[in-house]
Amino acid sequence: MDWRTLLDRLSGNGGHPRLTRGRVLAAYSVAVATDIIQFVLGPFGWAGIDEILDGVAMVATTALIGFHPLLLPTFVLELFPVTDLLPSWTVAVALVVSLRRKTIAPAGEGPAIDIKPTSVR
């Protein structure tokens, strides 16, 4: 692997799996489930359960939608005691999916507006 390929993968620009409806749904499911479990655990999260959930969420999300740099701050943010109550995994997945979909469909290749000309009298 050359440096350019490595930098593309680390920046989130290349090497990510194709976003299918099933992958996106599974990534949202992992994120929402992780956020709900962490919210329900509340103060018991300090026992290490939250960190295990965050590791599983990071690995599963990366496997489903590919690595993106936005996932790293989410992982680090979840290490702080009170911030794990925020739905940060769900927000991160939503941002990554929207950014990836934006780059997949370049401008000008979408469906054109089809208007039939009418005669003006």
N, C-alpha and C. Protein backbone atom coordinates (compact mmCIF):
# COMPACT_ATOMS: atom_id res chain seq x y z
N MET A 1 0.85 -1.17 0.00
CA MET A 1 0.00 0.00 0.00
C MET A 1 0.90 1.24 0.00
N ASP A 2 0.61 2.17 -0.89
CA ASP A 2 1.42 3.38 -0.95
C ASP A 2 0.84 4.44 -0.01
N TRP A 3 1.56 5.54 0.15
CA TRP A 3 1.17 6.60 1.08
C TRP A 3 -0.13 7.28 0.68
N ARG A 4 -0.33 7.47 -0.61
CA ARG A 4 -1.54 8.15 -1.06
C ARG A 4 -2.79 7.35 -0.70
N THR A 5 -2.74 6.04 -0.89
CA THR A 5 -3.87 5.19 -0.55
C THR A 5 -4.12 5.21 0.95
N LEU A 6 -3.05 5.17 1.73
CA LEU A 6 -3.17 5.21 3.18
C LEU A 6 -3.78 6.53 3.64
N LEU A 7 -3.32 7.64 3.07
CA LEU A 7 -3.87 8.95 3.44
C LEU A 7 -5.33 9.07 3.04
N ASP A 8 -5.71 8.53 1.89
CA ASP A 8 -7.11 8.56 1.47
C ASP A 8 -7.98 7.77 2.44
N ARG A 9 -7.50 6.63 2.89
CA ARG A 9 -8.29 5.83 3.83
C ARG A 9 -8.41 6.52 5.18
N LEU A 10 -7.32 7.12 5.65
CA LEU A 10 -7.36 7.79 6.95
C LEU A 10 -8.20 9.06 6.91
N SER A 11 -8.27 9.72 5.78
CA SER A 11 -9.07 10.94 5.69
C SER A 11 -10.53 10.64 5.42
N GLY A 12 -10.87 9.40 5.17
CA GLY A 12 -12.27 9.04 4.93
C GLY A 12 -12.69 9.20 3.49
N ASN A 13 -11.75 9.48 2.58
CA ASN A 13 -12.10 9.70 1.18
C ASN A 13 -12.14 8.43 0.35
N GLY A 14 -11.42 7.43 0.73
CA GLY A 14 -11.37 6.24 -0.10
C GLY A 14 -11.37 4.97 0.73
N GLY A 15 -11.65 3.87 0.08
CA GLY A 15 -11.57 2.59 0.75
C GLY A 15 -12.77 2.26 1.64
N HIS A 16 -13.82 3.03 1.57
CA HIS A 16 -14.97 2.72 2.40
C HIS A 16 -15.95 1.87 1.60
N PRO A 17 -16.71 1.03 2.30
CA PRO A 17 -17.65 0.17 1.59
C PRO A 17 -18.79 0.98 0.99
N ARG A 18 -19.43 0.39 0.00
CA ARG A 18 -20.55 1.05 -0.66
C ARG A 18 -21.71 1.18 0.31
N LEU A 19 -22.31 2.36 0.36
CA LEU A 19 -23.43 2.59 1.27
C LEU A 19 -24.72 2.04 0.66
N THR A 20 -25.15 0.92 1.19
CA THR A 20 -26.43 0.37 0.79
C THR A 20 -27.45 0.68 1.88
N ARG A 21 -28.70 0.50 1.56
CA ARG A 21 -29.75 0.77 2.54
C ARG A 21 -29.58 -0.11 3.78
N GLY A 22 -29.20 -1.36 3.57
CA GLY A 22 -29.01 -2.28 4.69
C GLY A 22 -27.85 -1.88 5.59
N ARG A 23 -26.73 -1.45 4.97
CA ARG A 23 -25.57 -1.02 5.76
C ARG A 23 -25.88 0.23 6.58
N VAL A 24 -26.58 1.18 5.95
CA VAL A 24 -26.92 2.41 6.64
C VAL A 24 -27.88 2.12 7.79
N LEU A 25 -28.88 1.28 7.55
CA LEU A 25 -29.84 0.91 8.59
C LEU A 25 -29.13 0.19 9.74
N ALA A 26 -28.22 -0.71 9.41
CA ALA A 26 -27.48 -1.42 10.46
C ALA A 26 -26.60 -0.48 11.26
N ALA A 27 -25.96 0.48 10.58
CA ALA A 27 -25.11 1.45 11.29
C ALA A 27 -25.95 2.32 12.22
N TYR A 28 -27.11 2.77 11.75
CA TYR A 28 -28.01 3.54 12.62
C TYR A 28 -28.49 2.69 13.80
N SER A 29 -28.76 1.41 13.55
CA SER A 29 -29.21 0.53 14.62
C SER A 29 -28.15 0.37 15.70
N VAL A 30 -26.91 0.17 15.27
CA VAL A 30 -25.80 0.05 16.23
C VAL A 30 -25.65 1.34 17.02
N ALA A 31 -25.71 2.48 16.34
CA ALA A 31 -25.52 3.78 17.00
C ALA A 31 -26.65 4.06 17.99
N VAL A 32 -27.88 3.87 17.57
CA VAL A 32 -29.02 4.16 18.45
C VAL A 32 -29.03 3.20 19.64
N ALA A 33 -28.76 1.91 19.39
CA ALA A 33 -28.73 0.94 20.49
C ALA A 33 -27.63 1.29 21.49
N THR A 34 -26.46 1.68 21.00
CA THR A 34 -25.36 2.05 21.90
C THR A 34 -25.73 3.28 22.72
N ASP A 35 -26.31 4.29 22.09
CA ASP A 35 -26.69 5.50 22.81
C ASP A 35 -27.77 5.22 23.85
N ILE A 36 -28.75 4.38 23.52
CA ILE A 36 -29.82 4.06 24.47
C ILE A 36 -29.28 3.28 25.65
N ILE A 37 -28.44 2.29 25.38
CA ILE A 37 -27.87 1.49 26.48
C ILE A 37 -27.03 2.37 27.39
N GLN A 38 -26.23 3.27 26.82
CA GLN A 38 -25.41 4.16 27.65
C GLN A 38 -26.26 5.12 28.46
N PHE A 39 -27.36 5.57 27.89
CA PHE A 39 -28.26 6.46 28.63
C PHE A 39 -28.93 5.72 29.78
N VAL A 40 -29.35 4.48 29.52
CA VAL A 40 -30.02 3.69 30.56
C VAL A 40 -29.05 3.33 31.68
N LEU A 41 -27.82 3.00 31.33
CA LEU A 41 -26.83 2.66 32.35
C LEU A 41 -26.50 3.85 33.24
N GLY A 42 -26.55 5.04 32.66
CA GLY A 42 -26.33 6.27 33.41
C GLY A 42 -25.09 6.24 34.28
N PRO A 43 -25.27 6.34 35.60
CA PRO A 43 -24.11 6.44 36.49
C PRO A 43 -23.30 5.15 36.59
N PHE A 44 -23.83 4.02 36.14
CA PHE A 44 -23.07 2.78 36.23
C PHE A 44 -22.09 2.61 35.08
N GLY A 45 -22.05 3.59 34.20
CA GLY A 45 -21.15 3.53 33.06
C GLY A 45 -19.69 3.61 33.43
N TRP A 46 -19.39 4.11 34.63
CA TRP A 46 -18.00 4.25 35.04
C TRP A 46 -17.34 2.89 35.28
N ALA A 47 -18.11 1.84 35.34
CA ALA A 47 -17.58 0.52 35.64
C ALA A 47 -16.87 -0.12 34.45
N GLY A 48 -16.77 0.59 33.34
CA GLY A 48 -16.07 0.06 32.17
C GLY A 48 -17.00 -0.45 31.08
N ILE A 49 -18.27 -0.54 31.39
CA ILE A 49 -19.22 -1.04 30.40
C ILE A 49 -19.34 -0.07 29.23
N ASP A 50 -19.34 1.22 29.54
CA ASP A 50 -19.44 2.24 28.49
C ASP A 50 -18.27 2.17 27.51
N GLU A 51 -17.09 1.95 28.03
CA GLU A 51 -15.91 1.89 27.17
C GLU A 51 -15.97 0.67 26.26
N ILE A 52 -16.48 -0.44 26.78
CA ILE A 52 -16.63 -1.64 25.96
C ILE A 52 -17.67 -1.39 24.86
N LEU A 53 -18.79 -0.76 25.24
CA LEU A 53 -19.82 -0.44 24.25
C LEU A 53 -19.28 0.51 23.17
N ASP A 54 -18.47 1.49 23.59
CA ASP A 54 -17.90 2.42 22.62
C ASP A 54 -16.95 1.72 21.66
N GLY A 55 -16.16 0.79 22.17
CA GLY A 55 -15.26 0.03 21.30
C GLY A 55 -16.02 -0.81 20.30
N VAL A 56 -17.07 -1.47 20.78
CA VAL A 56 -17.89 -2.29 19.88
C VAL A 56 -18.58 -1.41 18.85
N ALA A 57 -19.10 -0.25 19.28
CA ALA A 57 -19.77 0.66 18.35
C ALA A 57 -18.80 1.19 17.30
N MET A 58 -17.58 1.51 17.71
CA MET A 58 -16.58 2.03 16.77
C MET A 58 -16.23 0.97 15.72
N VAL A 59 -15.99 -0.24 16.17
CA VAL A 59 -15.61 -1.32 15.25
C VAL A 59 -16.77 -1.67 14.31
N ALA A 60 -17.97 -1.78 14.87
CA ALA A 60 -19.13 -2.15 14.06
C ALA A 60 -19.47 -1.05 13.05
N THR A 61 -19.43 0.21 13.49
CA THR A 61 -19.74 1.32 12.59
C THR A 61 -18.71 1.42 11.48
N THR A 62 -17.45 1.26 11.83
CA THR A 62 -16.40 1.30 10.82
C THR A 62 -16.55 0.15 9.83
N ALA A 63 -16.92 -1.02 10.31
CA ALA A 63 -17.12 -2.16 9.41
C ALA A 63 -18.32 -1.94 8.48
N LEU A 64 -19.34 -1.26 8.97
CA LEU A 64 -20.55 -1.08 8.18
C LEU A 64 -20.46 0.07 7.17
N ILE A 65 -20.00 1.24 7.62
CA ILE A 65 -19.98 2.39 6.72
C ILE A 65 -18.58 2.88 6.41
N GLY A 66 -17.57 2.21 6.94
CA GLY A 66 -16.19 2.60 6.67
C GLY A 66 -15.68 3.62 7.66
N PHE A 67 -14.36 3.75 7.70
CA PHE A 67 -13.75 4.69 8.63
C PHE A 67 -13.94 6.11 8.13
N HIS A 68 -14.20 7.01 9.05
CA HIS A 68 -14.26 8.44 8.77
C HIS A 68 -13.68 9.16 9.98
N PRO A 69 -12.93 10.26 9.77
CA PRO A 69 -12.33 10.97 10.91
C PRO A 69 -13.34 11.49 11.93
N LEU A 70 -14.59 11.66 11.56
CA LEU A 70 -15.60 12.11 12.52
C LEU A 70 -15.90 11.07 13.59
N LEU A 71 -15.55 9.82 13.34
CA LEU A 71 -15.80 8.78 14.33
C LEU A 71 -14.81 8.85 15.49
N LEU A 72 -13.61 9.37 15.25
CA LEU A 72 -12.61 9.45 16.32
C LEU A 72 -12.99 10.41 17.44
N PRO A 73 -13.41 11.66 17.14
CA PRO A 73 -13.83 12.53 18.25
C PRO A 73 -15.02 11.97 19.02
N THR A 74 -15.88 11.26 18.34
CA THR A 74 -17.02 10.65 19.02
C THR A 74 -16.54 9.60 20.01
N PHE A 75 -15.58 8.80 19.59
CA PHE A 75 -15.03 7.77 20.46
C PHE A 75 -14.36 8.39 21.67
N VAL A 76 -13.59 9.46 21.46
CA VAL A 76 -12.88 10.13 22.56
C VAL A 76 -13.88 10.85 23.47
N LEU A 77 -14.89 11.50 22.88
CA LEU A 77 -15.89 12.21 23.66
C LEU A 77 -16.64 11.27 24.60
N GLU A 78 -16.86 10.07 24.17
CA GLU A 78 -17.60 9.11 24.98
C GLU A 78 -16.81 8.64 26.20
N LEU A 79 -15.53 8.92 26.26
CA LEU A 79 -14.72 8.51 27.41
C LEU A 79 -14.97 9.39 28.63
N PHE A 80 -15.52 10.58 28.43
CA PHE A 80 -15.78 11.48 29.55
C PHE A 80 -17.10 11.11 30.22
N PRO A 81 -17.17 11.23 31.55
CA PRO A 81 -18.31 10.68 32.30
C PRO A 81 -19.70 11.16 31.90
N VAL A 82 -19.94 12.44 31.73
CA VAL A 82 -21.30 12.92 31.51
C VAL A 82 -21.66 12.93 30.02
N THR A 83 -20.67 13.08 29.17
CA THR A 83 -20.96 13.20 27.74
C THR A 83 -21.43 11.90 27.11
N ASP A 84 -21.27 10.79 27.80
CA ASP A 84 -21.76 9.53 27.23
C ASP A 84 -23.28 9.45 27.26
N LEU A 85 -23.94 10.40 27.91
CA LEU A 85 -25.40 10.45 27.90
C LEU A 85 -25.95 11.13 26.65
N LEU A 86 -25.08 11.78 25.89
CA LEU A 86 -25.49 12.43 24.64
C LEU A 86 -25.57 11.39 23.52
N PRO A 87 -26.44 11.58 22.54
CA PRO A 87 -26.55 10.62 21.43
C PRO A 87 -25.47 10.86 20.38
N SER A 88 -24.22 10.82 20.81
CA SER A 88 -23.12 11.17 19.91
C SER A 88 -22.88 10.14 18.81
N TRP A 89 -23.11 8.86 19.07
CA TRP A 89 -22.91 7.86 18.02
C TRP A 89 -23.94 8.03 16.91
N THR A 90 -25.17 8.34 17.30
CA THR A 90 -26.22 8.54 16.29
C THR A 90 -25.91 9.77 15.44
N VAL A 91 -25.47 10.84 16.07
CA VAL A 91 -25.11 12.06 15.34
C VAL A 91 -23.93 11.80 14.41
N ALA A 92 -22.92 11.07 14.90
CA ALA A 92 -21.75 10.79 14.07
C ALA A 92 -22.11 9.95 12.85
N VAL A 93 -22.95 8.94 13.03
CA VAL A 93 -23.37 8.12 11.89
C VAL A 93 -24.17 8.96 10.90
N ALA A 94 -25.05 9.81 11.40
CA ALA A 94 -25.85 10.67 10.51
C ALA A 94 -24.94 11.60 9.70
N LEU A 95 -23.93 12.19 10.34
CA LEU A 95 -23.01 13.07 9.63
C LEU A 95 -22.19 12.32 8.59
N VAL A 96 -21.65 11.16 8.96
CA VAL A 96 -20.83 10.40 8.02
C VAL A 96 -21.66 9.94 6.83
N VAL A 97 -22.86 9.45 7.08
CA VAL A 97 -23.72 8.99 5.98
C VAL A 97 -24.07 10.15 5.06
N SER A 98 -24.41 11.30 5.63
CA SER A 98 -24.77 12.44 4.77
C SER A 98 -23.57 12.95 3.98
N LEU A 99 -22.40 12.97 4.59
CA LEU A 99 -21.20 13.39 3.85
C LEU A 99 -20.84 12.40 2.74
N ARG A 100 -20.97 11.12 3.03
CA ARG A 100 -20.65 10.11 2.01
C ARG A 100 -21.64 10.16 0.86
N ARG A 101 -22.91 10.36 1.16
CA ARG A 101 -23.91 10.43 0.09
C ARG A 101 -23.70 11.67 -0.76
N LYS A 102 -23.23 12.75 -0.15
CA LYS A 102 -22.96 13.97 -0.91
C LYS A 102 -21.82 13.75 -1.89
N THR A 103 -20.79 13.01 -1.49
CA THR A 103 -19.66 12.77 -2.37
C THR A 103 -19.97 11.71 -3.42
N ILE A 104 -20.93 10.84 -3.14
CA ILE A 104 -21.27 9.79 -4.10
C ILE A 104 -22.02 10.37 -5.30
N ALA A 105 -22.95 11.28 -5.06
CA ALA A 105 -23.76 11.84 -6.13
C ALA A 105 -23.24 13.23 -6.50
N PRO A 106 -22.30 13.33 -7.46
CA PRO A 106 -21.81 14.63 -7.85
C PRO A 106 -22.89 15.44 -8.55
N ALA A 107 -22.72 16.74 -8.48
CA ALA A 107 -23.71 17.63 -9.09
C ALA A 107 -23.75 17.44 -10.60
N GLY A 108 -24.92 17.54 -11.15
CA GLY A 108 -25.07 17.43 -12.60
C GLY A 108 -25.41 16.04 -13.08
N GLU A 109 -25.29 15.04 -12.22
CA GLU A 109 -25.60 13.68 -12.64
C GLU A 109 -26.96 13.21 -12.14
N GLY A 110 -27.65 14.05 -11.38
CA GLY A 110 -28.95 13.67 -10.85
C GLY A 110 -30.02 13.80 -11.92
N PRO A 111 -31.23 13.44 -11.56
CA PRO A 111 -32.31 13.55 -12.54
C PRO A 111 -32.60 15.01 -12.87
N ALA A 112 -32.78 15.27 -14.13
CA ALA A 112 -33.07 16.62 -14.58
C ALA A 112 -34.56 16.90 -14.42
N ILE A 113 -34.88 18.15 -14.24
CA ILE A 113 -36.29 18.53 -14.18
C ILE A 113 -36.82 18.52 -15.60
N ASP A 114 -37.87 17.78 -15.80
CA ASP A 114 -38.41 17.60 -17.13
C ASP A 114 -39.69 18.42 -17.28
N ILE A 115 -39.60 19.53 -17.97
CA ILE A 115 -40.77 20.39 -18.18
C ILE A 115 -41.04 20.46 -19.66
N LYS A 116 -42.27 20.17 -20.01
CA LYS A 116 -42.63 20.24 -21.43
C LYS A 116 -43.02 21.68 -21.76
N PRO A 117 -42.48 22.20 -22.85
CA PRO A 117 -42.83 23.59 -23.20
C PRO A 117 -44.29 23.67 -23.63
N THR A 118 -44.89 24.75 -23.25
CA THR A 118 -46.28 24.99 -23.67
C THR A 118 -46.30 26.22 -24.56
N SER A 119 -47.28 26.27 -25.38
CA SER A 119 -47.38 27.43 -26.28
C SER A 119 -48.06 28.58 -25.55
N VAL A 120 -47.52 29.75 -25.74
CA VAL A 120 -48.07 30.95 -25.12
C VAL A 120 -48.91 31.68 -26.15
N ARG A 121 -50.11 31.98 -25.86
CA ARG A 121 -50.99 32.65 -26.81
C ARG A 121 -51.18 34.09 -26.47
